[in-house]
Amino acid sequence: MARFVSILIAMFFVSIAVPSNLIAVENASWGQIKTISTQNTEFDSPAGKLVVSGNNAGGMRNSRPPSITVFSPNGGESWVLGSTQTIEWKSNNVRRVSLWLCEGNTCGRIGVGTLPETGILNTGSYTFTVGTDVTPFGAYSPSSVLKIRVASEDDYPISTVYDDSDESFNLVAELEIVLVHGTVSIGDVPAPIGTVVDVIDNFGNVAGSCVVNTAGFYGHMKVYRDNPATLVDEGAYAGEWMSIRVDNYVTGYGFQWVHTGDEIEVNIRSVQ
């Protein structure tokens, strides 16, 4: 009889043995575990329904309703066309998302023709180059007042779970520049590699900067014009006289900022 009981006990433990690729959860009784596949296990626990990946590679998720919250841009930003920007959001129980630029009630999908219609994997952020082409819903011009929408595509083509920026931000035109280059010396000695050459406007704002890479020469340095659509002073205004510094020393050399795209040669001899 004892041998028979031992066999029954052994058979019982064999019948409830958990595969080696499943993960136990504290306080979860055997009756609360349901094997979905050889890779995932579902737990009904007081904290909600959990799914744990067999390889423990971040497969745990809870049964809270899907949600998305946009963090950035969230209002007040100015995105320069052609610049690189990052959209950031927080979410719960969302696997794939799509990204949209919205003006009023009209939204255009970001990445048309390059990102899948079924969305991208939800990583919490997406970095891209700002452009105006968001067809088939139209194009947005500089000064457009916009919001970002991040939407779940788990039930594609229906997106009922999404969030928009709390407040609007705007697109601004690419900053206008002139290119400045020339020779640079400190006394009679060519400026060494690593020397910093700056261009400043009448208010002391740095409108352009570069580092000497070849002794005695600098440029081509981009010197920016101020963009009146932003609160930041990016640089010159048309017709403004710009001053040149070498390693923070004002040299007395300069030039007039006239037309975007101009190439200007200024040869500098610093007497610091």
Protein backbone atom coordinates (compact mmCIF):
# COMPACT_ATOMS: atom_id res chain seq x y z
CA MET A 1 0.00 0.00 0.00
CA ALA A 2 2.79 2.47 0.90
CA ARG A 3 4.41 1.81 -2.46
CA PHE A 4 1.09 2.40 -4.21
CA VAL A 5 0.57 5.72 -2.37
CA SER A 6 4.10 6.81 -3.32
CA ILE A 7 3.37 6.09 -6.97
CA LEU A 8 0.15 8.13 -6.80
CA ILE A 9 1.97 11.08 -5.20
CA ALA A 10 4.68 10.92 -7.83
CA MET A 11 2.04 10.86 -10.58
CA PHE A 12 0.31 13.88 -8.98
CA PHE A 13 3.48 15.97 -8.97
CA VAL A 14 4.26 14.96 -12.53
CA SER A 15 0.79 16.09 -13.61
CA ILE A 16 1.24 19.60 -12.15
CA ALA A 17 4.91 20.10 -12.93
CA VAL A 18 5.47 23.54 -14.42
CA PRO A 19 7.54 23.56 -17.62
CA SER A 20 11.03 24.94 -17.12
CA ASN A 21 10.36 27.87 -19.41
CA LEU A 22 7.47 29.21 -17.30
CA ILE A 23 7.93 31.68 -14.47
CA ALA A 24 6.29 31.35 -11.04
CA VAL A 25 4.60 34.33 -9.41
CA GLU A 26 4.51 34.78 -5.65
CA ASN A 27 1.16 33.86 -4.02
CA ALA A 28 -0.18 32.41 -7.28
CA SER A 29 -1.66 28.96 -6.63
CA TRP A 30 -1.39 26.24 -9.23
CA GLY A 31 -5.08 26.67 -9.95
CA GLN A 32 -4.46 30.27 -11.00
CA ILE A 33 -1.96 29.40 -13.72
CA LYS A 34 -3.08 28.85 -17.29
CA THR A 35 -0.56 27.96 -19.97
CA ILE A 36 -1.23 29.96 -23.12
CA SER A 37 1.70 28.52 -25.05
CA THR A 38 5.15 27.17 -24.37
CA GLN A 39 6.34 30.78 -24.33
CA ASN A 40 3.73 32.53 -22.19
CA THR A 41 1.87 31.92 -18.94
CA GLU A 42 -1.24 33.76 -17.79
CA PHE A 43 -1.82 34.50 -14.09
CA ASP A 44 -5.04 35.65 -12.47
CA SER A 45 -3.75 37.51 -9.43
CA PRO A 46 -5.12 40.18 -7.06
CA ALA A 47 -3.11 42.74 -9.06
CA GLY A 48 -4.92 41.80 -12.24
CA LYS A 49 -4.27 39.40 -15.10
CA LEU A 50 -0.57 39.09 -15.87
CA VAL A 51 1.11 37.48 -18.84
CA VAL A 52 4.73 36.45 -18.29
CA SER A 53 6.98 35.55 -21.18
CA GLY A 54 8.73 32.22 -20.84
CA ASN A 55 12.08 33.76 -21.75
CA ASN A 56 11.54 36.57 -19.22
CA ALA A 57 12.25 39.14 -21.95
CA GLY A 58 9.90 41.87 -20.81
CA GLY A 59 6.72 40.00 -21.67
CA MET A 60 4.85 40.91 -18.48
CA ARG A 61 1.79 43.08 -18.98
CA ASN A 62 -1.33 43.75 -16.95
CA SER A 63 -4.99 43.84 -17.78
CA ARG A 64 -5.54 47.57 -17.23
CA PRO A 65 -7.33 49.28 -20.14
CA PRO A 66 -5.07 50.46 -22.98
CA SER A 67 -4.03 54.10 -22.65
CA ILE A 68 -1.61 56.61 -24.18
CA THR A 69 -0.31 59.94 -22.82
CA VAL A 70 1.74 62.29 -25.01
CA PHE A 71 4.68 63.90 -23.16
CA SER A 72 6.46 65.79 -25.93
CA PRO A 73 5.70 67.98 -27.76
CA ASN A 74 3.03 69.07 -25.32
CA GLY A 75 2.59 72.74 -26.21
CA GLY A 76 4.61 75.88 -26.81
CA GLU A 77 7.43 74.32 -28.83
CA SER A 78 8.67 75.58 -32.20
CA TRP A 79 9.84 72.92 -34.65
CA VAL A 80 12.11 74.15 -37.43
CA LEU A 81 11.45 72.49 -40.77
CA GLY A 82 14.30 70.14 -41.57
CA SER A 83 15.29 69.71 -37.91
CA THR A 84 15.38 66.41 -36.04
CA GLN A 85 12.74 66.06 -33.30
CA THR A 86 11.62 63.31 -30.92
CA ILE A 87 8.01 62.51 -30.03
CA GLU A 88 7.68 60.93 -26.57
CA TRP A 89 4.72 59.27 -24.88
CA LYS A 90 3.75 56.87 -22.08
CA SER A 91 1.34 54.00 -22.60
CA ASN A 92 -0.26 50.93 -21.06
CA ASN A 93 -1.15 47.71 -22.89
CA VAL A 94 -0.46 49.11 -26.37
CA ARG A 95 1.73 47.12 -28.78
CA ARG A 96 1.71 49.21 -31.97
CA VAL A 97 1.15 52.93 -32.55
CA SER A 98 0.78 55.44 -35.36
CA LEU A 99 1.91 59.07 -35.21
CA TRP A 100 -0.03 62.06 -36.52
CA LEU A 101 0.24 65.82 -37.03
CA CYS A 102 -3.12 67.45 -36.32
CA GLU A 103 -4.29 70.94 -37.27
CA GLY A 104 -7.75 71.47 -35.84
CA ASN A 105 -9.74 68.35 -36.66
CA THR A 106 -7.55 67.40 -39.62
CA CYS A 107 -4.76 64.91 -38.96
CA GLY A 108 -2.04 63.65 -41.29
CA ARG A 109 -0.06 60.51 -40.60
CA ILE A 110 3.68 60.96 -40.08
CA GLY A 111 5.77 58.69 -42.26
CA VAL A 112 3.31 58.04 -45.10
CA GLY A 113 5.05 55.71 -47.55
CA THR A 114 7.84 54.85 -45.12
CA LEU A 115 6.06 53.59 -41.98
CA PRO A 116 3.55 50.71 -42.11
CA GLU A 117 -0.15 51.61 -41.97
CA THR A 118 -0.53 49.06 -39.17
CA GLY A 119 1.76 51.18 -37.00
CA ILE A 120 5.22 50.82 -35.51
CA LEU A 121 6.27 48.93 -32.41
CA ASN A 122 5.47 50.92 -29.28
CA THR A 123 8.82 51.98 -27.83
CA GLY A 124 7.64 55.20 -26.16
CA SER A 125 9.46 57.53 -28.54
CA TYR A 126 10.05 58.22 -32.22
CA THR A 127 12.71 60.46 -33.78
CA PHE A 128 12.22 61.91 -37.25
CA THR A 129 13.05 64.82 -39.55
CA VAL A 130 10.37 67.48 -39.57
CA GLY A 131 8.78 67.99 -42.97
CA THR A 132 5.51 69.35 -44.33
CA ASP A 133 4.54 66.37 -46.51
CA VAL A 134 1.96 64.31 -44.62
CA THR A 135 -0.22 63.27 -47.55
CA PRO A 136 -2.88 62.07 -48.20
CA PHE A 137 -4.27 64.56 -45.69
CA GLY A 138 -2.45 67.64 -47.00
CA ALA A 139 0.66 69.62 -46.12
CA TYR A 140 1.39 72.00 -43.28
CA SER A 141 3.17 75.28 -43.83
CA PRO A 142 5.44 77.23 -41.47
CA SER A 143 3.52 78.89 -38.62
CA SER A 144 0.91 76.12 -38.66
CA VAL A 145 -0.52 75.59 -35.17
CA LEU A 146 -0.36 71.85 -34.55
CA LYS A 147 -0.67 69.05 -32.06
CA ILE A 148 0.84 65.57 -32.08
CA ARG A 149 -1.41 62.53 -31.83
CA VAL A 150 -0.16 59.08 -30.83
CA ALA A 151 -2.78 56.39 -31.56
CA SER A 152 -2.96 52.66 -30.88
CA GLU A 153 -3.07 50.46 -33.98
CA ASP A 154 -3.73 47.22 -32.07
CA ASP A 155 -7.25 47.20 -33.55
CA TYR A 156 -6.21 48.51 -36.98
CA PRO A 157 -7.84 50.14 -38.93
CA ILE A 158 -9.81 51.51 -35.94
CA SER A 159 -7.89 53.76 -33.53
CA THR A 160 -10.06 54.41 -30.49
CA VAL A 161 -7.16 54.72 -28.04
CA TYR A 162 -5.06 57.86 -28.57
CA ASP A 163 -3.82 61.07 -26.98
CA ASP A 164 -3.02 64.53 -28.32
CA SER A 165 -0.60 67.20 -27.14
CA ASP A 166 -2.24 69.22 -24.36
CA GLU A 167 -1.52 72.51 -26.12
CA SER A 168 -0.44 73.46 -29.63
CA PHE A 169 3.06 73.98 -31.00
CA ASN A 170 4.11 75.41 -34.35
CA LEU A 171 6.32 74.78 -37.35
CA VAL A 172 8.76 77.47 -38.40
CA ALA A 173 10.74 77.89 -41.60
CA GLU A 174 14.31 76.71 -41.87
CA LEU A 175 16.72 79.24 -40.41
CA GLU A 176 18.46 81.43 -42.97
CA ILE A 177 22.25 81.39 -42.99
CA VAL A 178 25.33 82.91 -44.54
CA LEU A 179 28.62 81.04 -44.78
CA VAL A 180 31.75 82.71 -43.45
CA HIS A 181 35.34 81.54 -43.93
CA GLY A 182 38.88 82.87 -44.13
CA THR A 183 42.31 82.88 -42.55
CA VAL A 184 42.84 83.42 -38.85
CA SER A 185 46.03 84.23 -36.99
CA ILE A 186 46.96 85.24 -33.48
CA GLY A 187 49.52 87.95 -33.99
CA ASP A 188 51.69 86.67 -36.82
CA VAL A 189 51.14 83.01 -35.93
CA PRO A 190 48.45 80.92 -37.65
CA ALA A 191 45.73 80.08 -35.15
CA PRO A 192 46.28 76.49 -33.94
CA ILE A 193 43.86 73.62 -34.35
CA GLY A 194 41.16 73.87 -31.68
CA THR A 195 40.88 77.67 -31.75
CA VAL A 196 37.23 78.72 -31.48
CA VAL A 197 35.88 81.37 -33.85
CA ASP A 198 32.47 82.89 -33.00
CA VAL A 199 30.19 85.41 -34.69
CA ILE A 200 28.05 87.55 -32.38
CA ASP A 201 25.24 90.02 -33.03
CA ASN A 202 24.76 93.47 -31.51
CA PHE A 203 23.18 91.96 -28.41
CA GLY A 204 26.05 89.58 -27.76
CA ASN A 205 24.17 86.50 -28.95
CA VAL A 206 26.24 83.85 -30.71
CA ALA A 207 24.89 83.51 -34.25
CA GLY A 208 27.58 81.11 -35.49
CA SER A 209 30.56 79.20 -34.20
CA CYS A 210 33.25 76.88 -35.49
CA VAL A 211 36.53 75.28 -34.44
CA VAL A 212 39.74 75.60 -36.44
CA ASN A 213 40.52 72.20 -37.98
CA THR A 214 43.45 73.32 -40.14
CA ALA A 215 45.94 75.72 -38.53
CA GLY A 216 45.39 79.26 -39.80
CA PHE A 217 42.00 78.65 -41.45
CA TYR A 218 38.36 78.57 -40.31
CA GLY A 219 34.99 77.90 -41.91
CA HIS A 220 32.80 77.49 -43.72
CA MET A 221 30.88 78.61 -40.64
CA LYS A 222 27.07 78.85 -40.65
CA VAL A 223 25.90 82.21 -39.31
CA TYR A 224 22.17 82.25 -38.63
CA ARG A 225 19.55 84.90 -39.10
CA ASP A 226 17.08 85.42 -36.24
CA ASN A 227 13.73 83.77 -36.79
CA PRO A 228 10.98 86.21 -35.71
CA ALA A 229 8.52 83.31 -35.28
CA THR A 230 10.37 82.03 -32.19
CA LEU A 231 11.05 83.53 -28.78
CA VAL A 232 14.72 82.58 -29.02
CA ASP A 233 17.19 85.02 -30.60
CA GLU A 234 19.00 82.78 -33.09
CA GLY A 235 21.17 85.51 -34.60
CA ALA A 236 21.28 88.38 -37.05
CA TYR A 237 18.66 90.48 -38.71
CA ALA A 238 19.05 91.53 -42.32
CA GLY A 239 21.57 94.37 -42.60
CA GLU A 240 23.03 93.86 -39.12
CA TRP A 241 26.77 94.23 -38.55
CA MET A 242 28.21 91.07 -37.00
CA SER A 243 31.39 90.90 -34.89
CA ILE A 244 33.95 88.08 -34.82
CA ARG A 245 35.58 86.65 -31.70
CA VAL A 246 38.60 84.37 -31.47
CA ASP A 247 38.71 82.31 -28.26
CA ASN A 248 36.25 84.80 -26.69
CA TYR A 249 38.39 87.82 -27.67
CA VAL A 250 36.56 90.41 -29.78
CA THR A 251 38.87 91.04 -32.73
CA GLY A 252 37.40 94.17 -34.29
CA TYR A 253 36.72 92.23 -37.49
CA GLY A 254 33.23 91.64 -38.79
CA PHE A 255 30.84 91.72 -41.72
CA GLN A 256 27.29 92.72 -42.62
CA TRP A 257 24.60 90.03 -42.75
CA VAL A 258 22.69 90.79 -45.96
CA HIS A 259 21.24 87.85 -47.91
CA THR A 260 20.71 84.24 -46.96
CA GLY A 261 23.08 81.94 -48.83
CA ASP A 262 25.85 84.55 -49.15
CA GLU A 263 29.42 83.27 -48.84
CA ILE A 264 31.61 85.80 -47.08
CA GLU A 265 35.38 85.78 -46.68
CA VAL A 266 36.80 87.54 -43.63
CA ASN A 267 40.51 87.18 -42.89
CA ILE A 268 41.18 87.73 -39.18
CA ARG A 269 44.34 88.82 -37.37
CA SER A 270 43.77 88.74 -33.65
CA VAL A 271 46.12 90.77 -31.41
CA GLN A 272 45.11 89.17 -28.10
